Amino acid sequence: MNNSLSVIIPCYNEKKTILEILERVIECDPKDKEIIIVDDCSTDGTTEIIKNIKFGNIKKIFHEKNYGKGKALRSGFKEATNDIILIQDADLEYDPKEYVKLL
């Protein structure tokens, strides 16, 4: 599989799960994916957690006000550079290990 996957993670107030989902996304195949986090003006500390992330090659987008998931996704789409885009919710509802099956 070539480097053609971008994973967009829209989030709002996900401080309890944001680091775990990022680790899961980074660890899953394909390994050479682009990861884009869009924080939609979280108020629970999520923003600070994302700003302090030092692992992985992650693009970080921060909204200055809460616009909703649709706008967060559009912000992520604008930054995506690969042919295939997956949306990964930050609440652990979907398992990144399923990416290979999906692709």
PDB file of N, CA and C in Angstrom:
ATOM      1  N   MET A   1       0.843  -1.174   0.000  1.00  0.00           N
ATOM      2  CA  MET A   1       0.000   0.000   0.000  1.00  0.00           C
ATOM      3  C   MET A   1       0.891   1.241   0.000  1.00  0.00           C
ATOM      4  N   ASN A   2       0.587   2.176  -0.866  1.00  0.00           N
ATOM      5  CA  ASN A   2       1.415   3.386  -0.924  1.00  0.00           C
ATOM      6  C   ASN A   2       0.905   4.445   0.048  1.00  0.00           C
ATOM      7  N   ASN A   3       1.587   5.568   0.073  1.00  0.00           N
ATOM      8  CA  ASN A   3       1.229   6.653   0.983  1.00  0.00           C
ATOM      9  C   ASN A   3       0.066   7.443   0.400  1.00  0.00           C
ATOM     10  N   SER A   4      -1.116   6.853   0.452  1.00  0.00           N
ATOM     11  CA  SER A   4      -2.257   7.530  -0.134  1.00  0.00           C
ATOM     12  C   SER A   4      -3.403   7.711   0.860  1.00  0.00           C
ATOM     13  N   LEU A   5      -3.134   7.551   2.150  1.00  0.00           N
ATOM     14  CA  LEU A   5      -4.186   7.628   3.155  1.00  0.00           C
ATOM     15  C   LEU A   5      -4.000   8.831   4.077  1.00  0.00           C
ATOM     16  N   SER A   6      -5.065   9.603   4.212  1.00  0.00           N
ATOM     17  CA  SER A   6      -5.126  10.674   5.216  1.00  0.00           C
ATOM     18  C   SER A   6      -6.222  10.303   6.201  1.00  0.00           C
ATOM     19  N   VAL A   7      -5.934  10.439   7.494  1.00  0.00           N
ATOM     20  CA  VAL A   7      -6.920  10.160   8.535  1.00  0.00           C
ATOM     21  C   VAL A   7      -7.220  11.479   9.244  1.00  0.00           C
ATOM     22  N   ILE A   8      -8.481  11.867   9.189  1.00  0.00           N
ATOM     23  CA  ILE A   8      -8.914  13.099   9.850  1.00  0.00           C
ATOM     24  C   ILE A   8      -9.610  12.726  11.148  1.00  0.00           C
ATOM     25  N   ILE A   9      -9.175  13.358  12.233  1.00  0.00           N
ATOM     26  CA  ILE A   9      -9.754  13.106  13.549  1.00  0.00           C
ATOM     27  C   ILE A   9     -10.380  14.404  14.051  1.00  0.00           C
ATOM     28  N   PRO A  10     -11.685  14.585  13.836  1.00  0.00           N
ATOM     29  CA  PRO A  10     -12.341  15.762  14.404  1.00  0.00           C
ATOM     30  C   PRO A  10     -12.582  15.503  15.884  1.00  0.00           C
ATOM     31  N   CYS A  11     -12.385  16.500  16.712  1.00  0.00           N
ATOM     32  CA  CYS A  11     -12.627  16.264  18.136  1.00  0.00           C
ATOM     33  C   CYS A  11     -13.174  17.506  18.817  1.00  0.00           C
ATOM     34  N   TYR A  12     -13.955  17.242  19.817  1.00  0.00           N
ATOM     35  CA  TYR A  12     -14.493  18.288  20.684  1.00  0.00           C
ATOM     36  C   TYR A  12     -14.674  17.670  22.068  1.00  0.00           C
ATOM     37  N   ASN A  13     -13.924  18.194  23.023  1.00  0.00           N
ATOM     38  CA  ASN A  13     -13.999  17.719  24.409  1.00  0.00           C
ATOM     39  C   ASN A  13     -13.795  16.207  24.520  1.00  0.00           C
ATOM     40  N   GLU A  14     -12.634  15.769  24.055  1.00  0.00           N
ATOM     41  CA  GLU A  14     -12.288  14.338  24.070  1.00  0.00           C
ATOM     42  C   GLU A  14     -11.006  14.081  24.880  1.00  0.00           C
ATOM     43  N   LYS A  15     -10.810  14.808  25.969  1.00  0.00           N
ATOM     44  CA  LYS A  15      -9.555  14.672  26.719  1.00  0.00           C
ATOM     45  C   LYS A  15      -9.329  13.257  27.254  1.00  0.00           C
ATOM     46  N   LYS A  16     -10.382  12.512  27.491  1.00  0.00           N
ATOM     47  CA  LYS A  16     -10.235  11.158  28.042  1.00  0.00           C
ATOM     48  C   LYS A  16      -9.794  10.142  26.995  1.00  0.00           C
ATOM     49  N   THR A  17     -10.017  10.432  25.713  1.00  0.00           N
ATOM     50  CA  THR A  17      -9.746   9.433  24.681  1.00  0.00           C
ATOM     51  C   THR A  17      -8.783   9.883  23.590  1.00  0.00           C
ATOM     52  N   ILE A  18      -8.439  11.160  23.513  1.00  0.00           N
ATOM     53  CA  ILE A  18      -7.666  11.655  22.372  1.00  0.00           C
ATOM     54  C   ILE A  18      -6.291  10.989  22.260  1.00  0.00           C
ATOM     55  N   LEU A  19      -5.583  10.824  23.347  1.00  0.00           N
ATOM     56  CA  LEU A  19      -4.259  10.201  23.256  1.00  0.00           C
ATOM     57  C   LEU A  19      -4.349   8.730  22.880  1.00  0.00           C
ATOM     58  N   GLU A  20      -5.338   8.035  23.424  1.00  0.00           N
ATOM     59  CA  GLU A  20      -5.485   6.608  23.102  1.00  0.00           C
ATOM     60  C   GLU A  20      -5.828   6.417  21.627  1.00  0.00           C
ATOM     61  N   ILE A  21      -6.750   7.214  21.097  1.00  0.00           N
ATOM     62  CA  ILE A  21      -7.103   7.036  19.693  1.00  0.00           C
ATOM     63  C   ILE A  21      -5.924   7.405  18.799  1.00  0.00           C
ATOM     64  N   LEU A  22      -5.155   8.413  19.156  1.00  0.00           N
ATOM     65  CA  LEU A  22      -3.973   8.757  18.363  1.00  0.00           C
ATOM     66  C   LEU A  22      -2.965   7.626  18.344  1.00  0.00           C
ATOM     67  N   GLU A  23      -2.713   7.026  19.485  1.00  0.00           N
ATOM     68  CA  GLU A  23      -1.788   5.902  19.544  1.00  0.00           C
ATOM     69  C   GLU A  23      -2.281   4.748  18.687  1.00  0.00           C
ATOM     70  N   ARG A  24      -3.577   4.467  18.746  1.00  0.00           N
ATOM     71  CA  ARG A  24      -4.137   3.375  17.947  1.00  0.00           C
ATOM     72  C   ARG A  24      -4.020   3.666  16.446  1.00  0.00           C
ATOM     73  N   VAL A  25      -4.281   4.914  16.058  1.00  0.00           N
ATOM     74  CA  VAL A  25      -4.191   5.283  14.640  1.00  0.00           C
ATOM     75  C   VAL A  25      -2.745   5.189  14.162  1.00  0.00           C
ATOM     76  N   ILE A  26      -1.814   5.665  14.959  1.00  0.00           N
ATOM     77  CA  ILE A  26      -0.393   5.615  14.576  1.00  0.00           C
ATOM     78  C   ILE A  26       0.075   4.172  14.428  1.00  0.00           C
ATOM     79  N   GLU A  27      -0.334   3.300  15.335  1.00  0.00           N
ATOM     80  CA  GLU A  27       0.128   1.908  15.344  1.00  0.00           C
ATOM     81  C   GLU A  27      -0.460   1.059  14.234  1.00  0.00           C
ATOM     82  N   CYS A  28      -1.637   1.397  13.735  1.00  0.00           N
ATOM     83  CA  CYS A  28      -2.300   0.528  12.758  1.00  0.00           C
ATOM     84  C   CYS A  28      -1.702   0.693  11.363  1.00  0.00           C
ATOM     85  N   ASP A  29      -1.976  -0.300  10.518  1.00  0.00           N
ATOM     86  CA  ASP A  29      -1.559  -0.238   9.128  1.00  0.00           C
ATOM     87  C   ASP A  29      -2.592   0.546   8.332  1.00  0.00           C
ATOM     88  N   PRO A  30      -2.213   1.197   7.280  1.00  0.00           N
ATOM     89  CA  PRO A  30      -0.852   1.390   6.805  1.00  0.00           C
ATOM     90  C   PRO A  30      -0.088   2.375   7.700  1.00  0.00           C
ATOM     91  N   LYS A  31       1.204   2.119   7.838  1.00  0.00           N
ATOM     92  CA  LYS A  31       2.036   2.908   8.753  1.00  0.00           C
ATOM     93  C   LYS A  31       2.342   4.310   8.227  1.00  0.00           C
ATOM     94  N   ASP A  32       2.343   4.490   6.918  1.00  0.00           N
ATOM     95  CA  ASP A  32       2.773   5.765   6.341  1.00  0.00           C
ATOM     96  C   ASP A  32       1.604   6.705   6.030  1.00  0.00           C
ATOM     97  N   LYS A  33       0.626   6.738   6.914  1.00  0.00           N
ATOM     98  CA  LYS A  33      -0.540   7.591   6.709  1.00  0.00           C
ATOM     99  C   LYS A  33      -0.316   9.011   7.251  1.00  0.00           C
ATOM    100  N   GLU A  34      -1.081   9.927   6.718  1.00  0.00           N
ATOM    101  CA  GLU A  34      -1.097  11.309   7.202  1.00  0.00           C
ATOM    102  C   GLU A  34      -2.206  11.408   8.253  1.00  0.00           C
ATOM    103  N   ILE A  35      -1.910  12.026   9.389  1.00  0.00           N
ATOM    104  CA  ILE A  35      -2.899  12.173  10.459  1.00  0.00           C
ATOM    105  C   ILE A  35      -3.154  13.660  10.676  1.00  0.00           C
ATOM    106  N   ILE A  36      -4.434  14.019  10.664  1.00  0.00           N
ATOM    107  CA  ILE A  36      -4.838  15.414  10.847  1.00  0.00           C
ATOM    108  C   ILE A  36      -5.862  15.466  11.975  1.00  0.00           C
ATOM    109  N   ILE A  37      -5.529  16.185  13.050  1.00  0.00           N
ATOM    110  CA  ILE A  37      -6.461  16.379  14.162  1.00  0.00           C
ATOM    111  C   ILE A  37      -7.065  17.767  14.019  1.00  0.00           C
ATOM    112  N   VAL A  38      -8.382  17.840  14.130  1.00  0.00           N
ATOM    113  CA  VAL A  38      -9.058  19.133  14.117  1.00  0.00           C
ATOM    114  C   VAL A  38      -9.782  19.296  15.442  1.00  0.00           C
ATOM    115  N   ASP A  39      -9.275  20.190  16.280  1.00  0.00           N
ATOM    116  CA  ASP A  39      -9.904  20.471  17.567  1.00  0.00           C
ATOM    117  C   ASP A  39     -10.897  21.612  17.361  1.00  0.00           C
ATOM    118  N   ASP A  40     -12.161  21.340  17.648  1.00  0.00           N
ATOM    119  CA  ASP A  40     -13.233  22.301  17.403  1.00  0.00           C
ATOM    120  C   ASP A  40     -13.514  23.150  18.638  1.00  0.00           C
ATOM    121  N   CYS A  41     -12.456  23.780  19.154  1.00  0.00           N
ATOM    122  CA  CYS A  41     -12.537  24.696  20.297  1.00  0.00           C
ATOM    123  C   CYS A  41     -12.999  23.981  21.568  1.00  0.00           C
ATOM    124  N   SER A  42     -12.325  22.894  21.885  1.00  0.00           N
ATOM    125  CA  SER A  42     -12.643  22.144  23.106  1.00  0.00           C
ATOM    126  C   SER A  42     -12.466  23.023  24.332  1.00  0.00           C
ATOM    127  N   THR A  43     -13.254  22.725  25.361  1.00  0.00           N
ATOM    128  CA  THR A  43     -13.193  23.495  26.602  1.00  0.00           C
ATOM    129  C   THR A  43     -12.801  22.644  27.805  1.00  0.00           C
ATOM    130  N   ASP A  44     -12.468  21.375  27.577  1.00  0.00           N
ATOM    131  CA  ASP A  44     -12.199  20.455  28.688  1.00  0.00           C
ATOM    132  C   ASP A  44     -10.719  20.115  28.869  1.00  0.00           C
ATOM    133  N   GLY A  45      -9.836  20.788  28.131  1.00  0.00           N
ATOM    134  CA  GLY A  45      -8.411  20.481  28.216  1.00  0.00           C
ATOM    135  C   GLY A  45      -7.878  19.707  27.026  1.00  0.00           C
ATOM    136  N   THR A  46      -8.749  19.302  26.115  1.00  0.00           N
ATOM    137  CA  THR A  46      -8.324  18.569  24.916  1.00  0.00           C
ATOM    138  C   THR A  46      -7.323  19.382  24.104  1.00  0.00           C
ATOM    139  N   THR A  47      -7.583  20.668  23.947  1.00  0.00           N
ATOM    140  CA  THR A  47      -6.716  21.538  23.148  1.00  0.00           C
ATOM    141  C   THR A  47      -5.284  21.503  23.664  1.00  0.00           C
ATOM    142  N   GLU A  48      -5.117  21.611  24.967  1.00  0.00           N
ATOM    143  CA  GLU A  48      -3.780  21.607  25.569  1.00  0.00           C
ATOM    144  C   GLU A  48      -3.093  20.261  25.372  1.00  0.00           C
ATOM    145  N   ILE A  49      -3.848  19.189  25.490  1.00  0.00           N
ATOM    146  CA  ILE A  49      -3.278  17.851  25.267  1.00  0.00           C
ATOM    147  C   ILE A  49      -2.747  17.756  23.846  1.00  0.00           C
ATOM    148  N   ILE A  50      -3.553  18.186  22.877  1.00  0.00           N
ATOM    149  CA  ILE A  50      -3.141  18.112  21.473  1.00  0.00           C
ATOM    150  C   ILE A  50      -1.913  18.983  21.224  1.00  0.00           C
ATOM    151  N   LYS A  51      -1.908  20.180  21.773  1.00  0.00           N
ATOM    152  CA  LYS A  51      -0.756  21.080  21.579  1.00  0.00           C
ATOM    153  C   LYS A  51       0.528  20.470  22.124  1.00  0.00           C
ATOM    154  N   ASN A  52       0.439  19.649  23.147  1.00  0.00           N
ATOM    155  CA  ASN A  52       1.619  19.061  23.782  1.00  0.00           C
ATOM    156  C   ASN A  52       2.044  17.728  23.196  1.00  0.00           C
ATOM    157  N   ILE A  53       1.342  17.238  22.194  1.00  0.00           N
ATOM    158  CA  ILE A  53       1.706  15.967  21.579  1.00  0.00           C
ATOM    159  C   ILE A  53       3.027  16.133  20.838  1.00  0.00           C
ATOM    160  N   LYS A  54       3.983  15.276  21.155  1.00  0.00           N
ATOM    161  CA  LYS A  54       5.312  15.339  20.541  1.00  0.00           C
ATOM    162  C   LYS A  54       5.613  14.117  19.687  1.00  0.00           C
ATOM    163  N   PHE A  55       4.757  13.099  19.732  1.00  0.00           N
ATOM    164  CA  PHE A  55       5.008  11.875  18.971  1.00  0.00           C
ATOM    165  C   PHE A  55       4.224  11.909  17.662  1.00  0.00           C
ATOM    166  N   GLY A  56       4.742  11.194  16.684  1.00  0.00           N
ATOM    167  CA  GLY A  56       4.051  11.096  15.405  1.00  0.00           C
ATOM    168  C   GLY A  56       4.163  12.356  14.569  1.00  0.00           C
ATOM    169  N   ASN A  57       3.895  12.194  13.293  1.00  0.00           N
ATOM    170  CA  ASN A  57       3.870  13.317  12.367  1.00  0.00           C
ATOM    171  C   ASN A  57       2.408  13.703  12.185  1.00  0.00           C
ATOM    172  N   ILE A  58       1.937  14.616  13.022  1.00  0.00           N
ATOM    173  CA  ILE A  58       0.522  14.936  13.089  1.00  0.00           C
ATOM    174  C   ILE A  58       0.302  16.401  12.752  1.00  0.00           C
ATOM    175  N   LYS A  59      -0.617  16.654  11.823  1.00  0.00           N
ATOM    176  CA  LYS A  59      -1.035  18.022  11.544  1.00  0.00           C
ATOM    177  C   LYS A  59      -2.105  18.375  12.570  1.00  0.00           C
ATOM    178  N   LYS A  60      -2.005  19.564  13.133  1.00  0.00           N
ATOM    179  CA  LYS A  60      -2.948  19.989  14.162  1.00  0.00           C
ATOM    180  C   LYS A  60      -3.643  21.266  13.711  1.00  0.00           C
ATOM    181  N   ILE A  61      -4.954  21.248  13.755  1.00  0.00           N
ATOM    182  CA  ILE A  61      -5.764  22.407  13.403  1.00  0.00           C
ATOM    183  C   ILE A  61      -6.611  22.753  14.616  1.00  0.00           C
ATOM    184  N   PHE A  62      -6.668  24.039  14.950  1.00  0.00           N
ATOM    185  CA  PHE A  62      -7.433  24.488  16.110  1.00  0.00           C
ATOM    186  C   PHE A  62      -8.437  25.559  15.688  1.00  0.00           C
ATOM    187  N   HIS A  63      -9.716  25.280  15.905  1.00  0.00           N
ATOM    188  CA  HIS A  63     -10.739  26.287  15.650  1.00  0.00           C
ATOM    189  C   HIS A  63     -10.804  27.243  16.832  1.00  0.00           C
ATOM    190  N   GLU A  64     -11.029  28.509  16.541  1.00  0.00           N
ATOM    191  CA  GLU A  64     -11.111  29.520  17.598  1.00  0.00           C
ATOM    192  C   GLU A  64     -12.486  29.590  18.241  1.00  0.00           C
ATOM    193  N   LYS A  65     -13.476  28.965  17.603  1.00  0.00           N
ATOM    194  CA  LYS A  65     -14.798  28.818  18.212  1.00  0.00           C
ATOM    195  C   LYS A  65     -15.375  27.489  17.748  1.00  0.00           C
ATOM    196  N   ASN A  66     -16.396  27.028  18.456  1.00  0.00           N
ATOM    197  CA  ASN A  66     -17.000  25.747  18.134  1.00  0.00           C
ATOM    198  C   ASN A  66     -17.945  25.908  16.954  1.00  0.00           C
ATOM    199  N   TYR A  67     -17.603  25.243  15.849  1.00  0.00           N
ATOM    200  CA  TYR A  67     -18.400  25.320  14.631  1.00  0.00           C
ATOM    201  C   TYR A  67     -19.192  24.044  14.372  1.00  0.00           C
ATOM    202  N   GLY A  68     -18.819  22.951  14.995  1.00  0.00           N
ATOM    203  CA  GLY A  68     -19.491  21.678  14.759  1.00  0.00           C
ATOM    204  C   GLY A  68     -18.635  20.737  13.926  1.00  0.00           C
ATOM    205  N   LYS A  69     -19.061  19.484  13.895  1.00  0.00           N
ATOM    206  CA  LYS A  69     -18.284  18.439  13.244  1.00  0.00           C
ATOM    207  C   LYS A  69     -18.132  18.672  11.738  1.00  0.00           C
ATOM    208  N   GLY A  70     -19.166  19.160  11.080  1.00  0.00           N
ATOM    209  CA  GLY A  70     -19.089  19.392   9.639  1.00  0.00           C
ATOM    210  C   GLY A  70     -17.976  20.348   9.264  1.00  0.00           C
ATOM    211  N   LYS A  71     -17.865  21.438   9.967  1.00  0.00           N
ATOM    212  CA  LYS A  71     -16.798  22.421   9.704  1.00  0.00           C
ATOM    213  C   LYS A  71     -15.434  21.831  10.065  1.00  0.00           C
ATOM    214  N   ALA A  72     -15.374  21.054  11.147  1.00  0.00           N
ATOM    215  CA  ALA A  72     -14.111  20.408  11.524  1.00  0.00           C
ATOM    216  C   ALA A  72     -13.652  19.474  10.405  1.00  0.00           C
ATOM    217  N   LEU A  73     -14.577  18.733   9.837  1.00  0.00           N
ATOM    218  CA  LEU A  73     -14.227  17.839   8.736  1.00  0.00           C
ATOM    219  C   LEU A  73     -13.765  18.634   7.517  1.00  0.00           C
ATOM    220  N   ARG A  74     -14.461  19.703   7.178  1.00  0.00           N
ATOM    221  CA  ARG A  74     -14.048  20.518   6.034  1.00  0.00           C
ATOM    222  C   ARG A  74     -12.656  21.098   6.240  1.00  0.00           C
ATOM    223  N   SER A  75     -12.343  21.514   7.462  1.00  0.00           N
ATOM    224  CA  SER A  75     -10.994  22.019   7.765  1.00  0.00           C
ATOM    225  C   SER A  75      -9.959  20.924   7.542  1.00  0.00           C
ATOM    226  N   GLY A  76     -10.271  19.713   7.961  1.00  0.00           N
ATOM    227  CA  GLY A  76      -9.365  18.592   7.762  1.00  0.00           C
ATOM    228  C   GLY A  76      -9.201  18.237   6.296  1.00  0.00           C
ATOM    229  N   PHE A  77     -10.303  18.254   5.544  1.00  0.00           N
ATOM    230  CA  PHE A  77     -10.249  17.941   4.111  1.00  0.00           C
ATOM    231  C   PHE A  77      -9.330  18.916   3.376  1.00  0.00           C
ATOM    232  N   LYS A  78      -9.364  20.184   3.774  1.00  0.00           N
ATOM    233  CA  LYS A  78      -8.511  21.196   3.126  1.00  0.00           C
ATOM    234  C   LYS A  78      -7.033  20.903   3.315  1.00  0.00           C
ATOM    235  N   GLU A  79      -6.672  20.275   4.428  1.00  0.00           N
ATOM    236  CA  GLU A  79      -5.271  19.984   4.733  1.00  0.00           C
ATOM    237  C   GLU A  79      -4.807  18.627   4.217  1.00  0.00           C
ATOM    238  N   ALA A  80      -5.743  17.762   3.912  1.00  0.00           N
ATOM    239  CA  ALA A  80      -5.397  16.404   3.472  1.00  0.00           C
ATOM    240  C   ALA A  80      -4.691  16.452   2.120  1.00  0.00           C
ATOM    241  N   THR A  81      -3.638  15.646   1.996  1.00  0.00           N
ATOM    242  CA  THR A  81      -2.847  15.646   0.761  1.00  0.00           C
ATOM    243  C   THR A  81      -2.867  14.309   0.035  1.00  0.00           C
ATOM    244  N   ASN A  82      -3.563  13.327   0.583  1.00  0.00           N
ATOM    245  CA  ASN A  82      -3.558  11.998  -0.013  1.00  0.00           C
ATOM    246  C   ASN A  82      -4.853  11.682  -0.750  1.00  0.00           C
ATOM    247  N   ASP A  83      -4.830  10.598  -1.506  1.00  0.00           N
ATOM    248  CA  ASP A  83      -5.955  10.212  -2.357  1.00  0.00           C
ATOM    249  C   ASP A  83      -7.158   9.694  -1.574  1.00  0.00           C
ATOM    250  N   ILE A  84      -6.912   8.991  -0.498  1.00  0.00           N
ATOM    251  CA  ILE A  84      -7.987   8.390   0.292  1.00  0.00           C
ATOM    252  C   ILE A  84      -8.046   9.085   1.648  1.00  0.00           C
ATOM    253  N   ILE A  85      -9.262   9.450   2.056  1.00  0.00           N
ATOM    254  CA  ILE A  85      -9.455  10.118   3.339  1.00  0.00           C
ATOM    255  C   ILE A  85     -10.406   9.287   4.189  1.00  0.00           C
ATOM    256  N   LEU A  86      -9.967   8.987   5.413  1.00  0.00           N
ATOM    257  CA  LEU A  86     -10.830   8.315   6.390  1.00  0.00           C
ATOM    258  C   LEU A  86     -11.107   9.274   7.532  1.00  0.00           C
ATOM    259  N   ILE A  87     -12.287   9.169   8.085  1.00  0.00           N
ATOM    260  CA  ILE A  87     -12.653   9.963   9.259  1.00  0.00           C
ATOM    261  C   ILE A  87     -12.638   9.035  10.456  1.00  0.00           C
ATOM    262  N   GLN A  88     -11.872   9.426  11.476  1.00  0.00           N
ATOM    263  CA  GLN A  88     -11.763   8.631  12.702  1.00  0.00           C
ATOM    264  C   GLN A  88     -12.272   9.477  13.857  1.00  0.00           C
ATOM    265  N   ASP A  89     -13.434   9.127  14.394  1.00  0.00           N
ATOM    266  CA  ASP A  89     -13.932   9.850  15.559  1.00  0.00           C
ATOM    267  C   ASP A  89     -13.009   9.597  16.739  1.00  0.00           C
ATOM    268  N   ALA A  90     -12.887  10.583  17.596  1.00  0.00           N
ATOM    269  CA  ALA A  90     -11.950  10.517  18.719  1.00  0.00           C
ATOM    270  C   ALA A  90     -12.490   9.741  19.914  1.00  0.00           C
ATOM    271  N   ASP A  91     -13.733   9.305  19.862  1.00  0.00           N
ATOM    272  CA  ASP A  91     -14.356   8.676  21.029  1.00  0.00           C
ATOM    273  C   ASP A  91     -14.181   7.155  21.090  1.00  0.00           C
ATOM    274  N   LEU A  92     -13.303   6.597  20.265  1.00  0.00           N
ATOM    275  CA  LEU A  92     -12.984   5.167  20.259  1.00  0.00           C
ATOM    276  C   LEU A  92     -14.114   4.293  19.716  1.00  0.00           C
ATOM    277  N   GLU A  93     -15.106   4.890  19.066  1.00  0.00           N
ATOM    278  CA  GLU A  93     -16.221   4.104  18.534  1.00  0.00           C
ATOM    279  C   GLU A  93     -15.764   3.153  17.427  1.00  0.00           C
ATOM    280  N   TYR A  94     -14.825   3.605  16.598  1.00  0.00           N
ATOM    281  CA  TYR A  94     -14.336   2.784  15.491  1.00  0.00           C
ATOM    282  C   TYR A  94     -12.907   2.358  15.758  1.00  0.00           C
ATOM    283  N   ASP A  95     -12.560   1.151  15.337  1.00  0.00           N
ATOM    284  CA  ASP A  95     -11.238   0.592  15.583  1.00  0.00           C
ATOM    285  C   ASP A  95     -10.337   0.807  14.367  1.00  0.00           C
ATOM    286  N   PRO A  96      -9.236   1.540  14.524  1.00  0.00           N
ATOM    287  CA  PRO A  96      -8.308   1.756  13.416  1.00  0.00           C
ATOM    288  C   PRO A  96      -7.740   0.476  12.812  1.00  0.00           C
ATOM    289  N   LYS A  97      -7.777  -0.634  13.536  1.00  0.00           N
ATOM    290  CA  LYS A  97      -7.300  -1.903  12.982  1.00  0.00           C
ATOM    291  C   LYS A  97      -8.147  -2.341  11.784  1.00  0.00           C
ATOM    292  N   GLU A  98      -9.303  -1.756  11.619  1.00  0.00           N
ATOM    293  CA  GLU A  98     -10.200  -2.085  10.517  1.00  0.00           C
ATOM    294  C   GLU A  98      -9.854  -1.344   9.223  1.00  0.00           C
ATOM    295  N   TYR A  99      -8.909  -0.415   9.267  1.00  0.00           N
ATOM    296  CA  TYR A  99      -8.554   0.364   8.066  1.00  0.00           C
ATOM    297  C   TYR A  99      -8.176  -0.524   6.888  1.00  0.00           C
ATOM    298  N   VAL A 100      -7.357  -1.538   7.143  1.00  0.00           N
ATOM    299  CA  VAL A 100      -6.878  -2.400   6.055  1.00  0.00           C
ATOM    300  C   VAL A 100      -8.062  -3.101   5.390  1.00  0.00           C
ATOM    301  N   LYS A 101      -9.006  -3.599   6.185  1.00  0.00           N
ATOM    302  CA  LYS A 101     -10.192  -4.252   5.623  1.00  0.00           C
ATOM    303  C   LYS A 101     -11.005  -3.258   4.809  1.00  0.00           C
ATOM    304  N   LEU A 102     -11.161  -2.074   5.333  1.00  0.00           N
ATOM    305  CA  LEU A 102     -11.949  -1.041   4.661  1.00  0.00           C
ATOM    306  C   LEU A 102     -11.301  -0.641   3.327  1.00  0.00           C
ATOM    307  N   LEU A 103      -9.997  -0.496   3.338  1.00  0.00           N
ATOM    308  CA  LEU A 103      -9.293  -0.085   2.129  1.00  0.00           C
ATOM    309  C   LEU A 103      -9.253  -1.209   1.118  1.00  0.00           C
TER     310      LEU A 103
END
